[in-house]
Amino acid sequence: MLTSKQRAYLNGLANQIPDILFIGKDGVTDEVVYQAKAQLKARELIKGKVQQNAPIDAREAANELSKEAKCDVVRVIGSKFILYKKNPQKKEGIL
C-alpha cells in the first residue's frame, strides 16, 4: 500500500515515461498480464493506456491488472493508468 506522498512522487516520475502497455479490443488478456508482469519486473513503474475500442475503462483495467500482477495502482486519469511494483532483486529501487 502506497502513501499519498509516495503516490505523488511516483506520479511525477511517470510524467516522463511513455505508455508501454496497451489494452485493446480483447480487454485484459493473459498476454497483457504477462507483459505487465515483465515490464514491472524490469522497470518497477509503468504507464498504460486503454484504447477506444476496449470493452473496459481504465479504472477496471488497472484494478484487474493490479490483482493479477500483485502491484499497486498509482493513478488512473482518463484512459491512462500508472502501476508500480517494487522489484526485490534491485538494491536501489524507485522508492
C-alpha atoms as a PDB file:
ATOM      1  CA  MET A   1       0.000   0.000   0.000  1.00  0.00           C
ATOM      2  CA  LEU A   2       1.359   3.389  -1.002  1.00  0.00           C
ATOM      3  CA  THR A   3       1.119   6.593   0.975  1.00  0.00           C
ATOM      4  CA  SER A   4      -0.115   9.803  -0.643  1.00  0.00           C
ATOM      5  CA  LYS A   5       3.432  11.198  -0.742  1.00  0.00           C
ATOM      6  CA  GLN A   6       4.699   8.070  -2.479  1.00  0.00           C
ATOM      7  CA  ARG A   7       1.836   8.251  -4.983  1.00  0.00           C
ATOM      8  CA  ALA A   8       2.620  11.899  -5.716  1.00  0.00           C
ATOM      9  CA  TYR A   9       6.327  11.109  -6.200  1.00  0.00           C
ATOM     10  CA  LEU A  10       5.602   8.162  -8.497  1.00  0.00           C
ATOM     11  CA  ASN A  11       3.077  10.203 -10.449  1.00  0.00           C
ATOM     12  CA  GLY A  12       5.738  12.836 -11.051  1.00  0.00           C
ATOM     13  CA  LEU A  13       8.172  10.208 -12.302  1.00  0.00           C
ATOM     14  CA  ALA A  14       5.526   8.702 -14.583  1.00  0.00           C
ATOM     15  CA  ASN A  15       5.022  12.002 -16.413  1.00  0.00           C
ATOM     16  CA  GLN A  16       8.353  11.471 -18.150  1.00  0.00           C
ATOM     17  CA  ILE A  17       7.825   7.864 -19.299  1.00  0.00           C
ATOM     18  CA  PRO A  18       5.862   6.808 -22.389  1.00  0.00           C
ATOM     19  CA  ASP A  19       2.878   4.468 -22.430  1.00  0.00           C
ATOM     20  CA  ILE A  20       4.202   0.931 -22.769  1.00  0.00           C
ATOM     21  CA  LEU A  21       1.133  -1.191 -22.021  1.00  0.00           C
ATOM     22  CA  PHE A  22      -1.956  -1.017 -24.229  1.00  0.00           C
ATOM     23  CA  ILE A  23      -5.370  -2.576 -23.591  1.00  0.00           C
ATOM     24  CA  GLY A  24      -7.209  -3.245 -26.846  1.00  0.00           C
ATOM     25  CA  LYS A  25     -10.486  -4.733 -28.016  1.00  0.00           C
ATOM     26  CA  ASP A  26      -9.886  -8.036 -26.187  1.00  0.00           C
ATOM     27  CA  GLY A  27      -9.541  -6.342 -22.790  1.00  0.00           C
ATOM     28  CA  VAL A  28      -7.132  -7.652 -20.163  1.00  0.00           C
ATOM     29  CA  THR A  29      -5.888 -10.947 -21.589  1.00  0.00           C
ATOM     30  CA  ASP A  30      -3.268 -13.378 -20.302  1.00  0.00           C
ATOM     31  CA  GLU A  31      -0.769 -11.845 -22.728  1.00  0.00           C
ATOM     32  CA  VAL A  32      -1.385  -8.343 -21.347  1.00  0.00           C
ATOM     33  CA  VAL A  33      -0.938  -9.631 -17.780  1.00  0.00           C
ATOM     34  CA  TYR A  34       2.313 -11.369 -18.788  1.00  0.00           C
ATOM     35  CA  GLN A  35       3.607  -8.161 -20.404  1.00  0.00           C
ATOM     36  CA  ALA A  36       2.654  -6.130 -17.341  1.00  0.00           C
ATOM     37  CA  LYS A  37       4.496  -8.524 -15.014  1.00  0.00           C
ATOM     38  CA  ALA A  38       7.602  -8.499 -17.212  1.00  0.00           C
ATOM     39  CA  GLN A  39       7.647  -4.709 -17.534  1.00  0.00           C
ATOM     40  CA  LEU A  40       7.045  -4.195 -13.811  1.00  0.00           C
ATOM     41  CA  LYS A  41       9.950  -6.501 -13.023  1.00  0.00           C
ATOM     42  CA  ALA A  42      12.228  -4.603 -15.388  1.00  0.00           C
ATOM     43  CA  ARG A  43      11.122  -1.028 -14.653  1.00  0.00           C
ATOM     44  CA  GLU A  44       9.049  -1.044 -11.424  1.00  0.00           C
ATOM     45  CA  LEU A  45       6.855   1.796 -12.791  1.00  0.00           C
ATOM     46  CA  ILE A  46       4.792   1.508 -15.966  1.00  0.00           C
ATOM     47  CA  LYS A  47       2.171   3.575 -17.689  1.00  0.00           C
ATOM     48  CA  GLY A  48      -0.633   2.045 -19.702  1.00  0.00           C
ATOM     49  CA  LYS A  49      -3.449   3.195 -21.925  1.00  0.00           C
ATOM     50  CA  VAL A  50      -6.875   1.767 -22.687  1.00  0.00           C
ATOM     51  CA  GLN A  51      -7.755   2.106 -26.364  1.00  0.00           C
ATOM     52  CA  GLN A  52     -11.127   3.481 -27.501  1.00  0.00           C
ATOM     53  CA  ASN A  53     -12.377   0.101 -28.728  1.00  0.00           C
ATOM     54  CA  ALA A  54     -11.654  -1.679 -25.422  1.00  0.00           C
ATOM     55  CA  PRO A  55     -14.634  -3.231 -23.592  1.00  0.00           C
ATOM     56  CA  ILE A  56     -13.486  -1.891 -20.192  1.00  0.00           C
ATOM     57  CA  ASP A  57     -12.427   1.506 -18.886  1.00  0.00           C
ATOM     58  CA  ALA A  58      -9.058   2.475 -17.420  1.00  0.00           C
ATOM     59  CA  ARG A  59     -10.132   2.040 -13.763  1.00  0.00           C
ATOM     60  CA  GLU A  60     -11.349  -1.535 -14.371  1.00  0.00           C
ATOM     61  CA  ALA A  61      -8.222  -2.413 -16.363  1.00  0.00           C
ATOM     62  CA  ALA A  62      -5.898  -1.009 -13.699  1.00  0.00           C
ATOM     63  CA  ASN A  63      -7.723  -2.818 -10.884  1.00  0.00           C
ATOM     64  CA  GLU A  64      -7.711  -6.124 -12.763  1.00  0.00           C
ATOM     65  CA  LEU A  65      -4.015  -5.818 -13.622  1.00  0.00           C
ATOM     66  CA  SER A  66      -3.151  -4.901 -10.036  1.00  0.00           C
ATOM     67  CA  LYS A  67      -4.829  -8.077  -8.790  1.00  0.00           C
ATOM     68  CA  GLU A  68      -3.231 -10.302 -11.417  1.00  0.00           C
ATOM     69  CA  ALA A  69       0.267  -8.774 -11.253  1.00  0.00           C
ATOM     70  CA  LYS A  70       0.148  -8.075  -7.484  1.00  0.00           C
ATOM     71  CA  CYS A  71       1.069  -4.415  -7.908  1.00  0.00           C
ATOM     72  CA  ASP A  72      -0.231  -1.027  -6.769  1.00  0.00           C
ATOM     73  CA  VAL A  73      -2.320   1.368  -8.816  1.00  0.00           C
ATOM     74  CA  VAL A  74      -0.676   4.774  -8.555  1.00  0.00           C
ATOM     75  CA  ARG A  75      -3.168   6.780 -10.585  1.00  0.00           C
ATOM     76  CA  VAL A  76      -5.928   6.480 -13.134  1.00  0.00           C
ATOM     77  CA  ILE A  77      -6.756   9.531 -15.188  1.00  0.00           C
ATOM     78  CA  GLY A  78      -8.812   9.489 -18.362  1.00  0.00           C
ATOM     79  CA  SER A  79      -7.786   6.484 -20.429  1.00  0.00           C
ATOM     80  CA  LYS A  80      -4.341   6.162 -18.817  1.00  0.00           C
ATOM     81  CA  PHE A  81      -3.165   4.387 -15.686  1.00  0.00           C
ATOM     82  CA  ILE A  82       0.080   4.036 -13.741  1.00  0.00           C
ATOM     83  CA  LEU A  83       1.177   0.834 -11.974  1.00  0.00           C
ATOM     84  CA  TYR A  84       4.021   0.281  -9.509  1.00  0.00           C
ATOM     85  CA  LYS A  85       5.627  -2.826  -8.057  1.00  0.00           C
ATOM     86  CA  LYS A  86       8.889  -2.917  -6.116  1.00  0.00           C
ATOM     87  CA  ASN A  87      11.426  -5.348  -7.514  1.00  0.00           C
ATOM     88  CA  PRO A  88      13.071  -7.105  -4.545  1.00  0.00           C
ATOM     89  CA  GLN A  89      16.069  -8.068  -6.695  1.00  0.00           C
ATOM     90  CA  LYS A  90      17.090  -4.440  -7.243  1.00  0.00           C
ATOM     91  CA  LYS A  91      19.114  -2.916  -4.451  1.00  0.00           C
ATOM     92  CA  GLU A  92      18.140   0.640  -5.278  1.00  0.00           C
ATOM     93  CA  GLY A  93      14.552   0.955  -6.385  1.00  0.00           C
ATOM     94  CA  ILE A  94      12.439   3.961  -7.197  1.00  0.00           C
ATOM     95  CA  LEU A  95      11.094   4.326  -3.656  1.00  0.00           C
END
